[in-house]
Amino acid sequence: MSASPLPTSGPAAQGVDASGVHAFLDALEAAPEIEPHSLMIMRHGHLVASGWWAPYTAERLHLQYSLSKSFTGTAAALAEAEGLLDFDAPVISYFPEFEADITDPRSRAVLVRHVASMASGHRGETVDEAYGGDPAEPVRGFLLLPPDGDPGTVFAYNQPTTYTLAAIVQRRSGQPLTEYLRPRLLDPLGIGEVVWRRDRTGRELGFSGLYATTDAVARLGQLYLNDGLWEGERLLPAGWAARASRPRTPTAGAMGDADLQDWHQGYGYQFWTSRHGYRGDGAYGQFCLVLPEHDVVIAATAATERMQEYLNLVWEHLLPAFGPEPPTGREAADAELRERLGRLALPPAPGRPAPPERERDWTATVFTPSVETGPVRSAGLDRDADGWTLTLTGEGDRPDRPDRLTLRLAGEGWTVAEEPAPTAVSGGWTDAGTLAVEVVFLETPHRLALTCSLADRTLTASWRTQPLHDGRLSTLCAPRRSV
């Protein structure tokens, strides 16, 4: 189904000062370690500002990483309302086939609400141990790991807790999360295509791997801001938003870095408490910020390891822009902001579309890395009547499962291709002996920087942000496009 557009309004009409949004955009674009991809700001139920930094676009799905957890928590709320699960029931009760194996009393005492709040009693991340302990059934692998403390007494950011919650919903409903959510949440909210990564069990991950548009994230946030009501229809149980956003177990110090102030405010049911409001978030800057005190939702995607810095900029620049009354005489400022949001773009890498000399040497050379580790095994160039192409072979390349990307080098700006994975390429020859390109994987927060040197026939390749799922070049996209 096609989504009906969100109600829109000029910022001033909803009490938003456009100069504060300008200041936020200025700060984002001046931050060297933050690469913004999208931004949507809702105030009083209206979309007052939205923009995408080209080559990212509004209709693209984007990997949400751990922001996926907030959709999983929402599915659990719906399942509870339908009597499919009980937050006070032991997790083991939903997996009776594990009864004989799970003997540790703390493991047997883990309740659904403990995994929903990441308070299983484990003091650290156990995802590798859970999958390694039982590759065929990670829930069993997780339950075989005795908690370090009593469930409910300690917080740890621990992927198998959310995975287990998602597994219970999928087991009890008999459906993948996306199918379960489609008639209950996604369709009523007007959310179109979403795709969720699966593991070897066939389950959708729950803790990560959801690909959705920024618009979908904004709609989820608005639903929570409205306490589960959407256009007069109740989609979530009354009070669930308050339950989900209320801190269950202290998180101060649990994330390690003393500077992560917004990670020290507590964790609810698959939502973080922030210094202002609450949020779902995912690695590298995927955000759903719900600010009840301002009647605001902010949905954003980015590529950054400085997520606290991103939030600091929101609090510094956007919060003061949310006033109690509509400012007057702001039509020109609103129009200027709208125009700016419409021309947002990531700067392309510099370079010429063709080498200034020695074309035959470039096409005759296979470039290989000088070190064995890295995301690219080899690179080669071809030239035809329309220009140059660069073919990359990934580290995961096998005869039965090729991992290759062919990229068009077309000069200034970004060149977008859809297959085998949606990409945008910029860059070119920076001198007679050097080719430098940037490859953006458009359904993810990931960018690959690649340099080929003709002098020694080597290449260097590095991720700006390291993929946390499949790092194969040709499948770095939503699973629907896997090859």
Protein backbone atom coordinates (compact mmCIF):
# COMPACT_ATOMS: atom_id res chain seq x y z
CA MET A 1 0.00 0.00 0.00
CA SER A 2 1.15 3.58 -0.60
CA ALA A 3 1.59 5.70 2.48
CA SER A 4 -0.47 8.83 2.87
CA PRO A 5 1.83 11.81 3.43
CA LEU A 6 2.34 13.06 6.95
CA PRO A 7 0.57 16.35 7.72
CA THR A 8 2.98 19.18 6.92
CA SER A 9 3.32 22.70 8.19
CA GLY A 10 5.71 25.58 8.12
CA PRO A 11 7.95 25.56 11.20
CA ALA A 12 6.70 28.87 12.60
CA ALA A 13 3.08 27.75 12.59
CA GLN A 14 4.03 24.96 15.02
CA GLY A 15 6.20 27.13 17.24
CA VAL A 16 9.52 26.12 15.68
CA ASP A 17 12.15 28.76 15.01
CA ALA A 18 13.78 28.01 11.65
CA SER A 19 17.02 29.63 12.79
CA GLY A 20 17.48 26.84 15.34
CA VAL A 21 17.14 24.22 12.60
CA HIS A 22 19.64 26.15 10.48
CA ALA A 23 22.04 26.19 13.43
CA PHE A 24 21.66 22.45 13.86
CA LEU A 25 22.33 21.82 10.16
CA ASP A 26 25.36 24.10 10.31
CA ALA A 27 26.70 22.21 13.33
CA LEU A 28 26.10 18.81 11.73
CA GLU A 29 27.84 19.74 8.53
CA ALA A 30 30.76 21.28 10.43
CA ALA A 31 31.30 18.16 12.56
CA PRO A 32 34.08 16.23 10.79
CA GLU A 33 33.11 12.86 12.25
CA ILE A 34 29.37 13.06 11.57
CA GLU A 35 27.99 12.24 8.13
CA PRO A 36 24.25 13.05 8.16
CA HIS A 37 21.94 11.11 5.87
CA SER A 38 18.41 12.23 6.75
CA LEU A 39 16.40 14.36 9.15
CA MET A 40 12.68 14.63 9.88
CA ILE A 41 11.24 16.89 12.60
CA MET A 42 7.62 16.54 13.77
CA ARG A 43 5.97 19.15 16.02
CA HIS A 44 2.37 19.03 17.22
CA GLY A 45 1.73 16.15 14.81
CA HIS A 46 3.01 18.03 11.75
CA LEU A 47 6.14 17.51 9.70
CA VAL A 48 7.88 20.88 9.91
CA ALA A 49 11.29 20.03 8.44
CA SER A 50 12.68 17.14 6.41
CA GLY A 51 15.68 16.58 4.22
CA TRP A 52 18.01 13.96 2.81
CA TRP A 53 21.67 14.47 2.03
CA ALA A 54 22.15 13.34 -1.59
CA PRO A 55 22.86 10.69 -2.75
CA TYR A 56 20.55 9.45 0.05
CA THR A 57 16.86 9.89 -0.78
CA ALA A 58 13.53 9.75 1.04
CA GLU A 59 12.29 6.54 -0.52
CA ARG A 60 15.40 4.49 0.26
CA LEU A 61 15.31 1.87 2.95
CA HIS A 62 18.09 2.41 5.47
CA LEU A 63 19.64 -0.12 7.84
CA GLN A 64 18.49 0.91 11.33
CA TYR A 65 20.78 -1.37 13.35
CA SER A 66 19.65 -1.37 17.01
CA LEU A 67 16.79 1.02 16.37
CA SER A 68 15.26 -2.29 15.19
CA LYS A 69 14.84 -3.12 18.88
CA SER A 70 12.12 -0.50 19.32
CA PHE A 71 10.05 -2.20 16.61
CA THR A 72 10.62 -5.55 18.36
CA GLY A 73 9.48 -4.08 21.68
CA THR A 74 6.38 -2.78 19.93
CA ALA A 75 5.66 -6.26 18.57
CA ALA A 76 5.99 -7.65 22.11
CA ALA A 77 3.46 -5.10 23.39
CA LEU A 78 0.98 -6.16 20.73
CA ALA A 79 1.60 -9.83 21.49
CA GLU A 80 1.01 -9.22 25.19
CA ALA A 81 -2.28 -7.47 24.40
CA GLU A 82 -3.35 -10.50 22.37
CA GLY A 83 -2.44 -12.93 25.14
CA LEU A 84 0.45 -14.45 23.22
CA LEU A 85 3.04 -13.67 25.87
CA ASP A 86 3.22 -12.61 29.50
CA PHE A 87 5.94 -10.21 30.64
CA ASP A 88 6.00 -11.96 34.03
CA ALA A 89 6.37 -15.47 32.61
CA PRO A 90 9.73 -17.29 32.62
CA VAL A 91 11.44 -17.28 29.24
CA ILE A 92 12.00 -21.04 29.55
CA SER A 93 8.23 -21.56 29.59
CA TYR A 94 8.14 -20.60 25.91
CA PHE A 95 10.83 -23.13 25.05
CA PRO A 96 9.79 -26.29 26.92
CA GLU A 97 12.09 -28.42 24.75
CA PHE A 98 15.04 -26.83 26.57
CA GLU A 99 13.76 -27.73 30.06
CA ALA A 100 16.19 -30.60 30.62
CA ASP A 101 19.19 -28.57 29.44
CA ILE A 102 18.65 -25.33 31.33
CA THR A 103 19.49 -26.20 34.92
CA ASP A 104 21.03 -23.00 36.29
CA PRO A 105 18.47 -21.44 38.64
CA ARG A 106 19.24 -17.91 37.48
CA SER A 107 18.75 -18.89 33.84
CA ARG A 108 15.43 -20.48 34.75
CA ALA A 109 14.46 -17.30 36.63
CA VAL A 110 14.87 -15.00 33.60
CA LEU A 111 11.45 -13.54 32.83
CA VAL A 112 10.16 -11.98 29.63
CA ARG A 113 10.34 -8.53 31.21
CA HIS A 114 14.00 -9.14 32.00
CA VAL A 115 14.94 -9.80 28.38
CA ALA A 116 12.69 -6.91 27.29
CA SER A 117 14.68 -4.55 29.53
CA MET A 118 18.15 -6.09 29.00
CA ALA A 119 18.30 -7.13 32.63
CA SER A 120 18.85 -10.88 32.29
CA GLY A 121 21.56 -10.81 34.94
CA HIS A 122 24.45 -11.06 32.49
CA ARG A 123 27.03 -8.32 32.92
CA GLY A 124 28.15 -8.06 29.34
CA GLU A 125 27.46 -8.82 25.69
CA THR A 126 26.91 -12.56 25.05
CA VAL A 127 25.98 -12.64 21.37
CA ASP A 128 29.08 -14.55 20.25
CA GLU A 129 28.70 -17.09 23.05
CA ALA A 130 24.99 -17.58 22.36
CA TYR A 131 25.49 -18.21 18.66
CA GLY A 132 28.66 -20.19 19.25
CA GLY A 133 27.11 -22.32 21.99
CA ASP A 134 24.25 -23.48 19.79
CA PRO A 135 24.44 -22.23 16.19
CA ALA A 136 21.17 -23.98 15.34
CA GLU A 137 19.26 -22.38 18.24
CA PRO A 138 20.77 -19.19 19.71
CA VAL A 139 18.01 -18.95 22.34
CA ARG A 140 19.21 -22.23 23.81
CA GLY A 141 22.81 -21.02 23.53
CA PHE A 142 21.85 -17.89 25.47
CA LEU A 143 19.94 -19.73 28.19
CA LEU A 144 22.89 -22.09 28.66
CA LEU A 145 24.99 -19.08 29.77
CA PRO A 146 24.43 -18.70 33.54
CA PRO A 147 23.70 -15.06 34.46
CA ASP A 148 26.33 -13.30 36.57
CA GLY A 149 23.70 -11.87 38.92
CA ASP A 150 20.04 -12.25 39.71
CA PRO A 151 17.81 -11.33 36.75
CA GLY A 152 16.40 -7.83 37.07
CA THR A 153 19.30 -6.49 39.15
CA VAL A 154 21.86 -5.51 36.51
CA PHE A 155 21.73 -3.95 33.04
CA ALA A 156 23.92 -5.03 30.15
CA TYR A 157 23.51 -4.09 26.50
CA ASN A 158 23.18 -7.66 25.33
CA GLN A 159 21.82 -8.65 21.90
CA PRO A 160 20.53 -12.14 22.82
CA THR A 161 18.01 -10.62 25.23
CA THR A 162 16.20 -8.82 22.41
CA TYR A 163 16.75 -11.80 20.11
CA THR A 164 15.00 -14.00 22.66
CA LEU A 165 12.10 -11.55 22.99
CA ALA A 166 11.75 -11.52 19.20
CA ALA A 167 11.93 -15.33 19.09
CA ILE A 168 9.06 -15.60 21.59
CA VAL A 169 6.88 -13.26 19.51
CA GLN A 170 7.67 -15.17 16.32
CA ARG A 171 7.12 -18.56 17.95
CA ARG A 172 3.83 -17.62 19.60
CA SER A 173 2.45 -15.78 16.57
CA GLY A 174 3.73 -18.28 14.03
CA GLN A 175 4.95 -15.39 11.86
CA PRO A 176 8.10 -13.38 11.21
CA LEU A 177 8.09 -10.01 12.96
CA THR A 178 7.43 -8.10 9.73
CA GLU A 179 4.39 -10.24 8.91
CA TYR A 180 3.07 -9.99 12.44
CA LEU A 181 3.50 -6.21 12.46
CA ARG A 182 2.11 -5.60 8.97
CA PRO A 183 -1.65 -5.56 9.75
CA ARG A 184 -1.25 -4.41 13.35
CA LEU A 185 1.24 -1.58 13.00
CA LEU A 186 2.86 -1.03 9.61
CA ASP A 187 -0.25 -0.77 7.45
CA PRO A 188 -2.25 1.35 9.92
CA LEU A 189 0.70 3.75 10.22
CA GLY A 190 1.06 3.95 6.45
CA ILE A 191 4.51 2.36 6.47
CA GLY A 192 5.40 0.71 3.19
CA GLU A 193 8.16 -1.79 2.55
CA VAL A 194 10.38 -2.88 5.42
CA VAL A 195 12.84 -5.76 5.36
CA TRP A 196 14.41 -7.56 8.31
CA ARG A 197 17.58 -9.66 8.22
CA ARG A 198 17.28 -13.29 9.28
CA ASP A 199 19.77 -15.66 10.84
CA ARG A 200 20.40 -19.30 9.99
CA THR A 201 17.33 -20.35 11.99
CA GLY A 202 15.14 -18.39 9.57
CA ARG A 203 14.07 -15.94 12.29
CA GLU A 204 14.16 -12.21 11.82
CA LEU A 205 16.88 -10.94 14.15
CA GLY A 206 14.86 -8.54 16.26
CA PHE A 207 17.91 -6.92 17.87
CA SER A 208 19.18 -5.46 14.57
CA GLY A 209 18.87 -5.81 10.82
CA LEU A 210 15.68 -3.83 10.11
CA TYR A 211 15.71 -1.78 6.91
CA ALA A 212 13.12 0.98 6.92
CA THR A 213 12.73 4.53 5.67
CA THR A 214 13.24 7.57 7.89
CA ASP A 215 9.53 8.25 7.39
CA ALA A 216 8.74 4.88 9.00
CA VAL A 217 10.85 5.81 12.03
CA ALA A 218 9.10 9.18 12.33
CA ARG A 219 5.69 7.49 12.25
CA LEU A 220 6.67 5.04 14.98
CA GLY A 221 7.92 7.92 17.12
CA GLN A 222 4.71 9.89 16.58
CA LEU A 223 2.65 6.85 17.56
CA TYR A 224 4.57 6.62 20.85
CA LEU A 225 4.25 10.36 21.43
CA ASN A 226 0.46 9.94 21.02
CA ASP A 227 0.37 7.04 23.54
CA GLY A 228 -0.45 4.51 20.85
CA LEU A 229 -3.16 6.48 19.02
CA TRP A 230 -2.97 7.10 15.28
CA GLU A 231 -5.61 9.17 13.52
CA GLY A 232 -8.05 8.35 16.29
CA GLU A 233 -7.41 4.59 16.20
CA ARG A 234 -5.71 2.85 19.11
CA LEU A 235 -2.86 0.74 17.76
CA LEU A 236 -0.92 0.18 20.99
CA PRO A 237 -2.32 -0.53 24.46
CA ALA A 238 -3.00 2.62 26.48
CA GLY A 239 -0.02 3.34 28.71
CA TRP A 240 2.42 1.15 26.79
CA ALA A 241 4.52 4.14 25.69
CA ALA A 242 5.01 5.12 29.34
CA ARG A 243 5.87 1.53 30.29
CA ALA A 244 8.34 1.18 27.45
CA SER A 245 10.10 4.47 28.18
CA ARG A 246 10.32 4.16 31.98
CA PRO A 247 13.81 3.14 33.16
CA ARG A 248 13.85 -0.37 34.62
CA THR A 249 17.45 -0.83 35.67
CA PRO A 250 20.18 1.82 36.11
CA THR A 251 22.54 2.06 33.15
CA ALA A 252 25.09 4.53 34.54
CA GLY A 253 28.52 3.13 33.79
CA ALA A 254 27.16 0.11 31.92
CA MET A 255 28.22 1.47 28.52
CA GLY A 256 31.77 2.16 29.70
CA ASP A 257 32.33 5.73 28.50
CA ALA A 258 31.74 8.39 31.16
CA ASP A 259 30.95 10.92 28.42
CA LEU A 260 27.90 8.97 27.19
CA GLN A 261 25.46 10.99 29.28
CA ASP A 262 22.42 9.97 27.26
CA TRP A 263 23.25 6.30 27.79
CA HIS A 264 23.39 6.72 31.57
CA GLN A 265 19.75 7.73 32.08
CA GLY A 266 18.25 4.23 32.12
CA TYR A 267 16.69 1.68 29.77
CA GLY A 268 13.04 0.69 29.47
CA TYR A 269 11.48 -1.87 27.17
CA GLN A 270 13.68 -1.52 24.06
CA PHE A 271 13.86 2.27 24.45
CA TRP A 272 16.54 4.39 26.10
CA THR A 273 15.78 7.22 28.47
CA SER A 274 17.52 10.41 27.35
CA ARG A 275 18.36 13.62 29.14
CA HIS A 276 15.34 14.89 27.23
CA GLY A 277 12.52 12.46 26.49
CA TYR A 278 13.39 8.97 25.31
CA ARG A 279 14.63 7.31 22.17
CA GLY A 280 15.31 4.29 20.05
CA ASP A 281 18.75 4.33 18.50
CA GLY A 282 21.00 2.26 16.31
CA ALA A 283 24.71 2.06 15.60
CA TYR A 284 26.29 4.90 13.67
CA GLY A 285 23.55 7.44 14.27
CA GLN A 286 20.08 6.02 13.57
CA PHE A 287 17.67 7.85 15.86
CA CYS A 288 14.00 8.00 16.86
CA LEU A 289 13.83 10.79 19.46
CA VAL A 290 10.53 11.24 21.30
CA LEU A 291 10.33 14.48 23.29
CA PRO A 292 6.96 14.62 25.08
CA GLU A 293 7.80 17.85 26.92
CA HIS A 294 8.11 19.60 23.54
CA ASP A 295 5.52 17.54 21.61
CA VAL A 296 8.30 16.70 19.16
CA VAL A 297 9.58 13.64 17.28
CA ILE A 298 12.94 13.67 15.49
CA ALA A 299 13.86 10.84 13.12
CA ALA A 300 17.34 10.78 11.67
CA THR A 301 19.91 8.56 9.99
CA ALA A 302 23.63 9.12 9.81
CA ALA A 303 27.06 7.55 9.71
CA THR A 304 29.05 8.38 12.82
CA GLU A 305 30.70 6.77 15.80
CA ARG A 306 30.11 10.00 17.74
CA MET A 307 26.47 9.42 18.61
CA GLN A 308 26.67 11.35 21.88
CA GLU A 309 28.02 14.33 19.97
CA TYR A 310 25.04 14.10 17.61
CA LEU A 311 22.63 14.18 20.55
CA ASN A 312 24.56 17.06 22.11
CA LEU A 313 23.96 19.07 18.93
CA VAL A 314 20.23 18.27 19.07
CA TRP A 315 20.00 19.47 22.66
CA GLU A 316 22.11 22.55 21.98
CA HIS A 317 20.47 23.78 18.80
CA LEU A 318 17.06 22.20 18.29
CA LEU A 319 15.60 22.25 21.80
CA PRO A 320 15.75 26.08 22.02
CA ALA A 321 13.95 26.23 18.66
CA PHE A 322 10.81 24.59 20.09
CA GLY A 323 8.93 27.54 21.55
CA PRO A 324 5.56 27.62 23.32
CA GLU A 325 4.02 30.05 20.82
CA PRO A 326 4.27 30.42 17.03
CA PRO A 327 6.79 33.16 16.17
CA THR A 328 5.44 35.87 13.88
CA GLY A 329 6.85 37.27 10.68
CA ARG A 330 8.87 34.16 9.92
CA GLU A 331 7.60 33.34 6.43
CA ALA A 332 10.89 34.24 4.73
CA ALA A 333 12.93 32.24 7.27
CA ASP A 334 10.68 29.23 6.80
CA ALA A 335 11.01 29.45 3.03
CA GLU A 336 14.79 29.73 3.29
CA LEU A 337 14.92 26.61 5.48
CA ARG A 338 12.67 24.69 3.08
CA GLU A 339 14.94 25.62 0.19
CA ARG A 340 18.04 24.56 2.09
CA LEU A 341 16.53 21.22 3.10
CA GLY A 342 15.74 20.56 -0.55
CA ARG A 343 19.36 20.89 -1.67
CA LEU A 344 21.19 18.99 1.07
CA ALA A 345 24.04 16.89 -0.30
CA LEU A 346 27.17 15.10 0.79
CA PRO A 347 30.20 16.58 -0.97
CA PRO A 348 31.56 14.22 -3.63
CA ALA A 349 35.18 13.17 -3.62
CA PRO A 350 37.44 15.07 -6.04
CA GLY A 351 38.99 13.50 -9.11
CA ARG A 352 39.08 13.40 -12.90
CA PRO A 353 36.90 10.92 -14.83
CA ALA A 354 39.91 9.56 -16.75
CA PRO A 355 43.65 9.23 -16.11
CA PRO A 356 45.74 12.01 -17.62
CA GLU A 357 48.13 9.45 -19.16
CA ARG A 358 49.07 5.73 -19.37
CA GLU A 359 45.52 4.47 -19.97
CA ARG A 360 46.76 1.05 -21.09
CA ASP A 361 48.74 0.58 -17.91
CA TRP A 362 45.64 1.26 -15.85
CA THR A 363 43.52 -1.29 -17.72
CA ALA A 364 46.28 -3.91 -17.70
CA THR A 365 46.85 -3.79 -13.94
CA VAL A 366 45.17 -5.84 -11.23
CA PHE A 367 45.43 -3.89 -8.00
CA THR A 368 45.82 -5.88 -4.80
CA PRO A 369 46.19 -4.81 -1.16
CA SER A 370 49.63 -4.57 0.37
CA VAL A 371 48.23 -6.16 3.55
CA GLU A 372 46.13 -9.31 3.62
CA THR A 373 43.26 -8.03 5.70
CA GLY A 374 40.66 -5.63 4.36
CA PRO A 375 37.27 -5.48 2.67
CA VAL A 376 38.59 -5.69 -0.93
CA ARG A 377 40.69 -8.50 -2.42
CA SER A 378 41.40 -6.91 -5.81
CA ALA A 379 40.39 -4.11 -8.16
CA GLY A 380 40.55 -3.77 -11.93
CA LEU A 381 39.69 -1.10 -14.49
CA ASP A 382 38.05 -1.25 -17.90
CA ARG A 383 37.36 1.42 -20.47
CA ASP A 384 34.67 1.56 -23.13
CA ALA A 385 33.15 4.23 -25.33
CA ASP A 386 31.16 5.60 -22.41
CA GLY A 387 34.02 5.87 -19.95
CA TRP A 388 35.61 3.90 -17.12
CA THR A 389 34.41 1.18 -14.78
CA LEU A 390 36.06 -0.12 -11.63
CA THR A 391 35.42 -3.74 -10.61
CA LEU A 392 35.99 -4.71 -6.98
CA THR A 393 36.30 -8.25 -5.70
CA GLY A 394 35.39 -8.57 -2.04
CA GLU A 395 37.14 -10.58 0.62
CA GLY A 396 34.17 -12.95 0.74
CA ASP A 397 34.47 -13.90 -2.93
CA ARG A 398 34.08 -17.62 -3.67
CA PRO A 399 33.46 -19.53 -6.92
CA ASP A 400 30.01 -20.56 -5.72
CA ARG A 401 29.22 -17.15 -4.23
CA PRO A 402 30.88 -14.32 -6.13
CA ASP A 403 31.33 -11.02 -4.35
CA ARG A 404 31.94 -8.37 -6.99
CA LEU A 405 30.93 -4.77 -7.55
CA THR A 406 31.23 -2.97 -10.87
CA LEU A 407 31.26 0.79 -10.38
CA ARG A 408 30.93 3.47 -13.03
CA LEU A 409 33.38 6.39 -12.84
CA ALA A 410 31.52 9.32 -14.34
CA GLY A 411 33.28 12.43 -13.19
CA GLU A 412 31.91 15.09 -10.88
CA GLY A 413 29.11 14.29 -8.48
CA TRP A 414 27.68 10.97 -7.39
CA THR A 415 26.97 8.13 -9.82
CA VAL A 416 24.19 5.89 -8.55
CA ALA A 417 23.73 2.22 -9.46
CA GLU A 418 21.14 -0.26 -8.17
CA GLU A 419 22.77 -3.64 -8.73
CA PRO A 420 24.03 -5.80 -7.19
CA ALA A 421 23.72 -3.44 -4.22
CA PRO A 422 22.51 0.17 -4.36
CA THR A 423 25.63 2.34 -4.42
CA ALA A 424 26.78 5.84 -5.19
CA VAL A 425 30.33 6.49 -6.37
CA SER A 426 32.37 9.67 -6.54
CA GLY A 427 36.01 10.52 -7.09
CA GLY A 428 38.48 9.70 -9.83
CA TRP A 429 42.09 10.32 -10.72
CA THR A 430 43.76 12.76 -8.38
CA ASP A 431 47.05 12.62 -10.30
CA ALA A 432 48.68 10.56 -13.03
CA GLY A 433 49.37 7.63 -10.72
CA THR A 434 46.49 7.67 -8.24
CA LEU A 435 42.81 6.75 -8.44
CA ALA A 436 40.77 7.58 -5.32
CA VAL A 437 37.05 6.83 -5.02
CA GLU A 438 34.38 6.79 -2.33
CA VAL A 439 31.62 4.17 -2.48
CA VAL A 440 28.45 4.83 -0.48
CA PHE A 441 26.19 1.83 0.13
CA LEU A 442 22.86 3.62 -0.04
CA GLU A 443 20.76 1.30 2.12
CA THR A 444 23.27 1.40 4.95
CA PRO A 445 25.35 3.90 6.95
CA HIS A 446 28.51 2.54 5.30
CA ARG A 447 31.05 4.12 2.99
CA LEU A 448 34.14 2.52 1.48
CA ALA A 449 37.24 4.60 0.68
CA LEU A 450 39.45 3.07 -1.98
CA THR A 451 42.77 4.19 -3.49
CA CYS A 452 44.63 2.48 -6.35
CA SER A 453 48.30 3.30 -6.90
CA LEU A 454 49.76 2.61 -10.34
CA ALA A 455 53.36 2.91 -9.13
CA ASP A 456 53.26 -0.23 -7.02
CA ARG A 457 49.98 -1.76 -8.28
CA THR A 458 48.47 -1.73 -4.82
CA LEU A 459 45.14 -0.71 -3.42
CA THR A 460 44.10 0.45 0.01
CA ALA A 461 40.51 0.10 1.12
CA SER A 462 38.90 1.02 4.41
CA TRP A 463 35.44 1.45 5.87
CA ARG A 464 34.45 4.82 7.26
CA THR A 465 32.06 2.84 9.49
CA GLN A 466 32.57 -0.90 9.85
CA PRO A 467 29.59 -3.09 8.81
CA LEU A 468 28.26 -5.10 11.75
CA HIS A 469 26.40 -7.71 9.70
CA ASP A 470 27.44 -9.27 6.40
CA GLY A 471 30.46 -7.37 5.10
CA ARG A 472 30.22 -8.77 1.57
CA LEU A 473 30.27 -5.92 -0.90
CA SER A 474 27.58 -7.30 -3.19
CA THR A 475 25.07 -7.91 -0.39
CA LEU A 476 25.57 -4.77 1.66
CA CYS A 477 21.93 -3.83 1.26
CA ALA A 478 18.45 -4.90 2.27
CA PRO A 479 18.11 -8.71 1.90
CA ARG A 480 15.57 -8.41 -0.89
CA ARG A 481 18.47 -7.50 -3.18
CA SER A 482 20.84 -10.27 -2.12
CA VAL A 483 22.52 -12.13 -4.96
